[in-house]
Amino acid sequence: MRKKAFLNALSLHGNVLEACEISKTGRSLAYQWREKDQDFAAAWLEAIEIGADRLELHIHERIRDAEKPSDVLAIFMLKGLRPEKYRENYSFTGDLNVTGGLTLSADIDGQIEARAAELAEAKRRLESERLALPADPVVQPPDS
């Protein structure tokens, strides 16, 4: 019964904490249910989708509100619905020198991979050097 109340509240409000408060369910208990019950986990995802649809409907209503329209909400809605047309598109080619010796270039992925390989090699060298160090000497107490 509490699971159903939680899912209903989640679909109405789209927020786990609020659904827990409304259904008088502990937050950690709700997450345990989701982890252990596949049907509940699927219903949880569906409730989140329904909550998102409700929020989207509310945003549409706010956008069209004659007394207090929201251009900002309209912008975000368009960016989400048609990102290929309305999202910010940043691109650059060539190299960009930034203070501190960092160089960004169009091949940033290649730079990241190369740096990761350098770090992995340095880690491997440090580990092998650490293994090559002699063990700490055993200190014997002085004879009395």
Protein backbone atom coordinates (compact mmCIF):
# COMPACT_ATOMS: atom_id res chain seq x y z
CA MET A 1 0.00 0.00 0.00
CA ARG A 2 2.83 2.43 0.86
CA LYS A 3 4.64 1.53 -2.34
CA LYS A 4 1.56 2.49 -4.35
CA ALA A 5 1.18 5.74 -2.39
CA PHE A 6 4.84 6.56 -2.99
CA LEU A 7 4.59 5.87 -6.74
CA ASN A 8 1.42 7.92 -7.01
CA ALA A 9 3.06 10.88 -5.25
CA LEU A 10 6.18 10.48 -7.39
CA SER A 11 4.13 10.61 -10.58
CA LEU A 12 2.27 13.70 -9.34
CA HIS A 13 5.30 15.64 -8.13
CA GLY A 14 8.30 14.09 -9.91
CA ASN A 15 10.46 14.41 -6.80
CA VAL A 16 11.58 11.54 -4.58
CA LEU A 17 11.83 13.53 -1.35
CA GLU A 18 8.38 15.03 -1.78
CA ALA A 19 6.92 11.63 -2.68
CA CYS A 20 8.47 10.19 0.49
CA GLU A 21 7.00 12.94 2.62
CA ILE A 22 3.53 12.61 1.10
CA SER A 23 3.49 8.80 1.34
CA LYS A 24 5.14 8.83 4.79
CA THR A 25 7.92 6.60 3.45
CA GLY A 26 11.54 6.84 4.50
CA ARG A 27 13.78 7.90 1.64
CA SER A 28 16.24 5.05 2.21
CA LEU A 29 13.34 2.57 2.32
CA ALA A 30 12.09 3.81 -1.05
CA TYR A 31 15.55 3.31 -2.54
CA GLN A 32 15.73 -0.18 -0.98
CA TRP A 33 12.42 -1.06 -2.61
CA ARG A 34 13.75 0.17 -5.95
CA GLU A 35 16.95 -1.84 -5.58
CA LYS A 36 15.26 -5.10 -4.55
CA ASP A 37 12.03 -5.07 -6.58
CA GLN A 38 12.37 -4.93 -10.37
CA ASP A 39 8.66 -4.23 -10.89
CA PHE A 40 8.83 -1.36 -8.41
CA ALA A 41 11.97 -0.04 -10.14
CA ALA A 42 10.17 -0.06 -13.50
CA ALA A 43 7.13 1.66 -11.97
CA TRP A 44 9.49 4.23 -10.39
CA LEU A 45 10.92 5.12 -13.82
CA GLU A 46 7.42 5.38 -15.28
CA ALA A 47 6.34 7.63 -12.38
CA ILE A 48 9.36 9.89 -13.01
CA GLU A 49 8.37 10.12 -16.69
CA ILE A 50 4.79 11.01 -15.76
CA GLY A 51 6.11 13.63 -13.34
CA ALA A 52 8.31 15.07 -16.09
CA ASP A 53 5.29 15.20 -18.42
CA ARG A 54 3.33 17.06 -15.74
CA LEU A 55 6.17 19.52 -15.29
CA GLU A 56 6.38 20.02 -19.04
CA LEU A 57 2.64 20.73 -19.15
CA HIS A 58 3.03 23.25 -16.33
CA ILE A 59 5.84 24.94 -18.23
CA HIS A 60 3.68 25.13 -21.36
CA GLU A 61 0.96 26.78 -19.29
CA ARG A 62 3.45 29.27 -17.81
CA ILE A 63 4.81 30.10 -21.26
CA ARG A 64 1.31 30.93 -22.51
CA ASP A 65 0.17 32.76 -19.37
CA ALA A 66 -1.13 36.09 -20.68
CA GLU A 67 -0.53 37.92 -17.40
CA LYS A 68 2.89 36.53 -16.57
CA PRO A 69 4.46 34.76 -19.56
CA SER A 70 7.91 33.28 -19.08
CA ASP A 71 10.35 33.82 -21.91
CA VAL A 72 13.07 32.04 -19.94
CA LEU A 73 10.96 28.88 -19.63
CA ALA A 74 10.17 29.12 -23.35
CA ILE A 75 13.88 29.29 -24.16
CA PHE A 76 14.69 26.23 -22.05
CA MET A 77 11.74 24.33 -23.50
CA LEU A 78 12.89 25.03 -27.05
CA LYS A 79 16.47 24.06 -26.21
CA GLY A 80 15.20 20.74 -24.86
CA LEU A 81 12.74 20.03 -27.66
CA ARG A 82 14.90 21.19 -30.57
CA PRO A 83 18.52 21.23 -29.41
CA GLU A 84 19.84 21.06 -32.96
CA LYS A 85 18.28 24.46 -33.59
CA TYR A 86 18.27 26.27 -30.24
CA ARG A 87 21.20 25.03 -28.17
CA GLU A 88 24.40 27.00 -27.91
CA ASN A 89 26.82 25.71 -30.50
CA TYR A 90 30.42 26.32 -29.63
CA SER A 91 33.21 25.24 -31.86
CA PHE A 92 36.74 26.28 -32.41
CA THR A 93 39.64 25.10 -34.47
CA GLY A 94 43.32 25.39 -33.92
CA ASP A 95 45.16 25.86 -30.65
CA LEU A 96 44.34 28.11 -27.75
CA ASN A 97 47.07 29.02 -25.28
CA VAL A 98 45.90 29.64 -21.76
CA THR A 99 48.02 31.06 -18.94
CA GLY A 100 49.55 28.40 -16.76
CA GLY A 101 51.02 26.44 -19.63
CA LEU A 102 47.83 24.64 -20.63
CA THR A 103 47.24 24.32 -24.34
CA LEU A 104 43.82 23.44 -25.62
CA SER A 105 43.43 22.31 -29.15
CA ALA A 106 40.87 20.79 -31.44
CA ASP A 107 42.32 17.37 -30.54
CA ILE A 108 41.44 17.61 -26.85
CA ASP A 109 40.45 13.92 -26.70
CA GLY A 110 43.88 12.94 -28.02
CA GLN A 111 45.56 15.18 -25.46
CA ILE A 112 43.52 13.66 -22.64
CA GLU A 113 44.36 10.13 -23.77
CA ALA A 114 48.05 10.97 -24.06
CA ARG A 115 48.09 12.56 -20.60
CA ALA A 116 46.26 9.56 -19.13
CA ALA A 117 48.88 7.25 -20.67
CA GLU A 118 51.69 9.40 -19.18
CA LEU A 119 50.07 9.27 -15.75
CA ALA A 120 49.55 5.50 -15.95
CA GLU A 121 53.22 5.04 -16.87
CA ALA A 122 54.33 7.29 -14.01
CA LYS A 123 52.16 5.31 -11.60
CA ARG A 124 53.61 2.03 -12.88
CA ARG A 125 57.17 3.36 -12.42
CA LEU A 126 56.45 4.57 -8.89
CA GLU A 127 54.92 1.24 -7.92
CA SER A 128 57.87 -0.70 -9.31
CA GLU A 129 60.32 1.62 -7.51
CA ARG A 130 58.38 1.21 -4.27
CA LEU A 131 58.52 -2.57 -4.64
CA ALA A 132 62.27 -2.38 -5.28
CA LEU A 133 62.96 -0.50 -2.03
CA PRO A 134 64.39 -2.59 0.78
CA ALA A 135 61.98 -3.47 3.54
CA ASP A 136 62.07 -1.32 6.64
CA PRO A 137 64.83 -2.57 8.90
CA VAL A 138 63.71 -4.32 12.02
CA VAL A 139 64.88 -2.38 15.04
CA GLN A 140 66.10 -4.60 17.85
CA PRO A 141 65.78 -3.36 21.41
CA PRO A 142 69.12 -2.78 23.08
CA ASP A 143 70.43 -5.60 25.28
CA SER A 144 70.17 -4.84 28.92
